[in-house]
Protein backbone atom coordinates (compact mmCIF):
# COMPACT_ATOMS: atom_id res chain seq x y z
CA MET A 1 192.89 -3.61 251.52
CA SER A 2 190.63 -5.35 249.01
CA SER A 3 188.31 -3.47 246.69
CA ARG A 4 185.35 -4.92 248.59
CA MET A 5 186.72 -3.76 251.95
CA GLN A 6 187.34 -0.29 250.54
CA LYS A 7 183.73 -0.10 249.36
CA LEU A 8 182.42 -1.17 252.78
CA SER A 9 184.60 1.42 254.54
CA ALA A 10 183.45 4.11 252.13
CA ARG A 11 179.81 3.20 252.83
CA LYS A 12 180.38 3.34 256.61
CA ILE A 13 182.05 6.73 256.32
CA ALA A 14 179.26 8.02 254.11
CA ALA A 15 176.64 6.73 256.55
CA SER A 16 178.46 8.34 259.48
CA VAL A 17 178.76 11.66 257.67
CA SER A 18 175.08 11.48 256.73
CA LEU A 19 174.10 10.83 260.36
CA VAL A 20 176.25 13.71 261.64
CA LEU A 21 174.80 16.06 259.04
CA SER A 22 171.29 14.91 259.89
CA LEU A 23 171.81 15.51 263.62
CA THR A 24 173.48 18.85 262.96
CA LEU A 25 170.69 20.03 260.69
CA SER A 26 168.05 18.81 263.16
CA GLY A 27 169.75 20.74 265.95
CA ALA A 28 170.03 23.83 263.77
CA ALA A 29 166.36 23.58 262.85
CA ALA A 30 165.37 23.28 266.52
CA ALA A 31 167.53 26.27 267.40
CA ALA A 32 166.03 28.23 264.53
CA ASP A 33 162.57 27.43 265.88
CA GLU A 34 163.52 28.92 269.26
CA ASN A 35 165.43 31.96 268.07
CA PRO A 36 162.67 34.10 266.51
CA THR A 37 160.93 34.66 269.85
CA LYS A 38 164.18 35.34 271.70
CA ASP A 39 165.35 37.63 268.93
CA GLU A 40 162.06 39.50 268.99
CA LEU A 41 162.20 39.98 272.77
CA ALA A 42 165.75 41.28 272.33
CA ARG A 43 164.39 43.80 269.81
CA LEU A 44 161.64 44.81 272.23
CA GLU A 45 164.00 45.19 275.19
CA GLY A 46 164.33 48.84 276.13
CA VAL A 47 162.75 51.87 277.70
CA TRP A 48 159.63 53.15 275.93
CA SER A 49 157.79 56.44 276.39
CA PHE A 50 154.08 56.95 275.66
CA VAL A 51 153.29 58.79 272.42
CA GLN A 52 149.59 58.12 272.01
CA VAL A 53 146.83 56.35 273.94
CA LYS A 54 143.30 55.64 272.69
CA VAL A 55 140.53 53.91 274.61
CA ASP A 56 137.55 52.66 272.58
CA GLY A 57 138.87 54.77 269.71
CA LYS A 58 138.92 57.98 271.76
CA GLU A 59 142.12 59.96 272.23
CA GLN A 60 143.22 60.14 275.87
CA PRO A 61 144.85 63.13 277.65
CA ALA A 62 148.59 63.51 277.29
CA VAL A 63 150.58 61.22 279.58
CA ARG A 64 153.24 62.35 282.00
CA GLU A 65 156.54 62.94 280.25
CA ALA A 66 158.33 60.72 282.77
CA ASP A 67 155.94 57.74 282.37
CA ARG A 68 157.66 54.71 280.89
CA MET A 69 157.22 51.10 279.85
CA ILE A 70 160.36 49.05 280.47
CA ILE A 71 160.76 45.68 278.76
CA GLN A 72 163.50 43.19 279.62
CA LYS A 73 164.74 40.59 277.15
CA ASP A 74 163.43 37.75 279.35
CA GLY A 75 159.87 39.05 278.86
CA ARG A 76 159.42 40.84 282.18
CA TYR A 77 158.03 44.36 281.98
CA ALA A 78 157.26 47.31 284.24
CA VAL A 79 154.95 50.24 283.50
CA VAL A 80 155.80 53.38 285.46
CA GLN A 81 152.91 55.85 285.74
CA GLY A 82 153.60 58.51 288.34
CA PRO A 83 153.94 56.80 291.73
CA ARG A 84 152.34 53.61 290.49
CA ILE A 85 154.27 50.73 288.93
CA THR A 86 152.69 47.71 287.25
CA HIS A 87 154.80 44.57 286.79
CA GLY A 88 154.15 41.58 284.60
CA THR A 89 155.37 39.36 281.80
CA ILE A 90 154.88 39.23 278.06
CA LYS A 91 155.12 36.44 275.52
CA VAL A 92 155.49 37.26 271.84
CA ASP A 93 155.06 35.30 268.63
CA PRO A 94 156.39 37.19 265.61
CA ALA A 95 155.32 34.43 263.20
CA HIS A 96 151.74 35.75 263.02
CA SER A 97 150.32 38.76 261.21
CA PRO A 98 149.79 40.89 263.14
CA LYS A 99 152.36 39.69 265.66
CA HIS A 100 151.06 38.22 268.92
CA TYR A 101 151.75 39.90 272.27
CA ASP A 102 150.36 38.12 275.36
CA VAL A 103 150.39 40.09 278.62
CA THR A 104 150.07 38.69 282.14
CA ILE A 105 149.74 41.26 284.92
CA GLY A 106 151.84 40.49 287.99
CA ASN A 107 150.53 42.88 290.64
CA GLY A 108 147.71 45.23 291.56
CA ARG A 109 143.96 44.65 291.48
CA LEU A 110 144.20 42.80 288.14
CA LYS A 111 147.02 40.50 289.22
CA GLY A 112 146.98 37.26 287.25
CA LEU A 113 144.90 38.65 284.37
CA SER A 114 146.14 37.62 280.92
CA VAL A 115 145.31 39.61 277.79
CA LEU A 116 145.77 38.57 274.16
CA ALA A 117 147.14 41.53 272.22
CA ALA A 118 148.69 42.32 268.86
CA TYR A 119 151.61 44.57 268.04
CA GLU A 120 153.75 46.16 265.39
CA LEU A 121 157.42 47.05 265.81
CA SER A 122 158.96 49.42 263.31
CA GLY A 123 162.37 50.80 264.19
CA ASP A 124 161.96 52.76 267.42
CA THR A 125 158.14 52.75 267.33
CA LEU A 126 156.08 50.10 269.12
CA THR A 127 152.31 49.94 268.65
CA LEU A 128 150.07 47.77 270.85
CA CYS A 129 146.40 46.90 270.46
CA MET A 130 144.42 44.86 272.99
CA PRO A 131 140.79 44.15 273.87
CA LEU A 132 138.92 45.94 276.65
CA GLY A 133 136.69 43.31 278.19
CA GLY A 134 136.64 39.82 276.73
CA ASN A 135 139.84 38.34 275.42
CA GLU A 136 139.58 38.17 271.64
CA ARG A 137 142.90 39.08 270.07
CA PRO A 138 142.66 42.02 267.62
CA THR A 139 143.20 41.04 263.99
CA VAL A 140 144.51 44.50 263.07
CA VAL A 141 146.65 46.99 264.97
CA GLU A 142 144.47 50.05 264.66
CA SER A 143 141.87 52.05 266.58
CA LYS A 144 138.30 53.01 265.67
CA VAL A 145 135.54 54.60 267.73
CA GLY A 146 133.50 51.92 269.48
CA ASP A 147 136.01 49.12 268.90
CA ARG A 148 136.39 48.33 272.63
CA ARG A 149 140.15 48.31 272.36
CA LEU A 150 143.13 49.88 274.06
CA PHE A 151 145.52 51.31 271.46
CA GLU A 152 148.97 52.59 272.45
CA VAL A 153 151.97 53.94 270.58
CA PHE A 154 155.42 54.06 272.21
CA LYS A 155 158.76 55.59 271.27
CA ARG A 156 162.06 54.00 272.25
CA GLU A 157 164.12 56.19 274.57
CA HIS A 158 167.90 56.00 274.73
CA GLU A 159 167.88 55.11 278.42
CA ASP A 160 169.51 52.16 280.16
CA VAL A 161 167.04 49.43 281.13
CA LYS A 162 168.71 48.55 284.44
CA ASP A 163 169.21 52.17 285.49
CA THR A 164 165.58 52.99 284.67
CA LEU A 165 164.32 49.97 286.61
CA ILE A 166 166.48 50.91 289.61
CA ALA A 167 165.03 54.43 289.54
CA ALA A 168 161.53 52.95 289.34
CA GLY A 169 162.34 50.58 292.19
CA ARG A 170 163.56 53.48 294.31
CA ARG A 171 160.30 55.31 293.64
CA GLU A 172 158.30 52.21 294.57
CA LEU A 173 160.17 51.83 297.87
CA THR A 174 160.07 55.49 298.89
CA GLY A 175 157.77 56.20 301.81
CA THR A 176 156.84 54.90 305.23
CA TRP A 177 156.24 51.21 305.80
CA GLN A 178 154.48 49.82 308.88
CA SER A 179 155.92 46.56 310.17
CA ILE A 180 153.46 43.65 310.13
CA SER A 181 155.76 40.67 310.76
CA TYR A 182 159.33 39.86 311.77
CA ALA A 183 161.15 36.56 312.19
CA LEU A 184 164.80 35.75 312.97
CA ASP A 185 165.92 32.14 312.79
CA GLY A 186 162.27 31.20 312.50
CA LYS A 187 161.34 32.94 315.76
CA LYS A 188 158.53 35.45 315.26
CA ALA A 189 158.14 38.75 317.06
CA SER A 190 154.82 39.61 318.72
CA ASP A 191 152.12 41.60 316.93
CA ASP A 192 152.28 44.21 319.70
CA ASP A 193 155.97 44.78 319.02
CA MET A 194 155.27 45.16 315.30
CA LYS A 195 152.83 47.98 315.90
CA LYS A 196 155.72 50.11 317.20
CA ILE A 197 158.07 49.51 314.25
CA GLN A 198 158.24 51.51 311.02
CA LEU A 199 160.72 51.54 308.15
CA VAL A 200 161.25 54.72 306.14
CA PHE A 201 162.91 54.82 302.69
CA ASP A 202 163.92 58.12 301.11
CA ALA A 203 164.27 58.68 297.35
CA GLU A 204 168.01 57.88 297.43
CA GLY A 205 167.59 54.55 299.21
CA LYS A 206 168.56 55.66 302.71
CA THR A 207 166.51 53.95 305.42
CA THR A 208 165.68 54.59 309.03
CA ALA A 209 164.02 52.05 311.31
CA LEU A 210 161.83 53.55 314.03
CA ASN A 211 160.64 52.11 317.32
CA ASP A 212 157.91 54.26 318.84
CA GLY A 213 159.10 57.07 316.59
CA LYS A 214 162.75 56.85 317.65
CA VAL A 215 165.52 55.80 315.24
CA PHE A 216 167.20 52.57 316.31
CA LEU A 217 168.77 51.54 313.00
CA ALA A 218 169.84 53.32 309.79
CA SER A 219 171.34 52.22 306.50
CA THR A 220 171.91 52.93 302.85
CA THR A 221 170.72 50.43 300.27
CA LYS A 222 171.56 49.17 296.81
CA ILE A 223 168.87 47.42 294.78
CA ASP A 224 168.75 45.42 291.57
CA PRO A 225 165.18 44.92 290.31
CA THR A 226 166.47 43.07 287.23
CA ALA A 227 167.54 40.10 289.37
CA THR A 228 165.16 37.23 290.15
CA PRO A 229 164.19 37.72 292.90
CA ALA A 230 165.07 41.41 293.18
CA THR A 231 168.10 41.99 295.41
CA ILE A 232 168.82 44.53 298.12
CA ASP A 233 172.14 45.23 299.85
CA ILE A 234 171.74 46.89 303.25
CA ILE A 235 174.77 48.87 304.41
CA PHE A 236 174.29 49.73 308.08
CA THR A 237 175.27 53.26 309.11
CA GLU A 238 173.72 53.65 312.56
CA GLY A 239 172.61 51.44 315.43
CA ASP A 240 173.60 47.90 316.36
CA GLY A 241 173.95 46.73 312.77
CA LYS A 242 177.46 46.69 311.25
CA GLY A 243 178.68 45.82 307.77
CA THR A 244 176.56 44.86 304.77
CA ALA A 245 173.65 42.46 304.83
CA LEU A 246 172.67 40.84 301.53
CA GLY A 247 168.98 40.33 300.89
CA ILE A 248 166.13 39.85 298.47
CA TYR A 249 162.86 41.76 298.33
CA LYS A 250 159.46 41.88 296.69
CA ILE A 251 156.45 44.18 296.75
CA GLU A 252 153.05 42.58 296.33
CA ASP A 253 149.69 44.22 297.01
CA GLY A 254 151.30 47.06 298.92
CA VAL A 255 153.33 44.73 301.14
CA LEU A 256 157.13 44.88 301.15
CA THR A 257 158.86 41.63 302.10
CA ILE A 258 162.60 41.54 302.78
CA CYS A 259 164.64 38.47 303.57
CA ARG A 260 168.24 39.14 304.52
CA SER A 261 171.24 37.30 305.89
CA ALA A 262 173.53 38.44 308.66
CA PRO A 263 176.41 40.70 307.48
CA GLY A 264 179.12 38.68 305.79
CA LYS A 265 176.83 35.73 305.01
CA PRO A 266 175.51 34.60 301.58
CA ARG A 267 172.39 36.14 300.09
CA PRO A 268 169.20 34.10 300.73
CA ALA A 269 167.60 32.40 297.76
CA GLU A 270 164.01 32.37 299.03
CA PHE A 271 161.68 34.27 301.33
CA ALA A 272 161.91 32.13 304.44
CA SER A 273 163.39 32.19 307.93
CA ASN A 274 163.81 28.74 309.41
CA PRO A 275 165.40 27.69 312.70
CA GLY A 276 169.18 27.77 312.39
CA SER A 277 169.14 29.62 309.05
CA GLY A 278 170.40 32.91 310.48
CA LEU A 279 167.97 34.69 308.15
CA THR A 280 165.69 37.60 308.98
CA LEU A 281 162.30 37.78 307.27
CA MET A 282 160.37 41.07 307.51
CA SER A 283 157.12 42.34 306.03
CA TYR A 284 155.80 45.90 305.94
CA LYS A 285 152.59 47.57 304.77
CA HIS A 286 152.97 50.74 302.72
CA GLN A 287 151.56 53.78 304.54
CA ALA A 288 151.90 56.30 301.70
CA ALA A 289 148.70 58.00 300.58
CA THR A 290 147.18 56.65 297.38
CA THR A 291 146.33 58.92 294.46
CA LYS A 292 143.42 58.42 292.08
CA ARG A 293 144.58 58.11 288.51
CA PRO A 294 142.91 58.27 285.10
CA PHE A 295 142.48 55.04 283.17
CA ARG A 296 145.74 54.36 281.36
CA THR A 297 147.64 51.12 281.31
CA GLY A 298 150.83 51.08 279.33
CA ALA A 299 151.36 47.40 278.63
CA SER A 300 148.09 46.15 280.05
CA PRO A 301 144.66 47.14 281.32
CA ARG A 302 144.56 48.11 284.98
């Protein structure tokens, strides 16, 4: 090979190496841009207990020892306060000072409300500060009398996120549910029939279905609230049902919706029952008595 050809080959190799390095570095830079938020959500993932709550700078009464805020690494959260559970999502941006924490409430009377908050995370202590009324993000994570802010301090508990969410899901399901709609293969039952049907969950996930007060179906259940949508496995123990039916469920505005397949069939992916689908779609209204609660929000105003 001539000296000239060697020089051309060397230039081509150098250009190729430069291009590969450029693409590699560009990809690494893009990944680095994405990682801080994901890393921060991973740091926030966990089960948090309430240490301190201030409203408008005023100390609030001690919270229940069992109350929790549960954050998943995908940004979904649940706040458990007695029998009431608030769901929603958070977005964080650790590049700011103080760090940004944006909350969107997913259920209840403030469903859809978004709040711009700020936070500090130090070891196993999480501190949140958010506006009460208006939506101007706090510039400091602190509380003063008259500041119109909600200020909360949490401590990380050494509890499993999934186990805690399952326990919260069990609590949310426990009670008596009045049937309001039923469809199998897209065929709907009459409103008059629905008035006779109730579904009762106990604290362990056992269910009984009642028709005019008489049990016609019973089961045990397994739930996974960390799935999207949340899943429910129904293992029939009494009545005409046999085997295990795989389903999905959601609770919105006090209404429980379950979509399940026939035993032995795949789990449905959406809440629908169309002709020929073999899917059952059921909705129930919660009949449990409501309890008035003091103002306290956990991750968001309620």
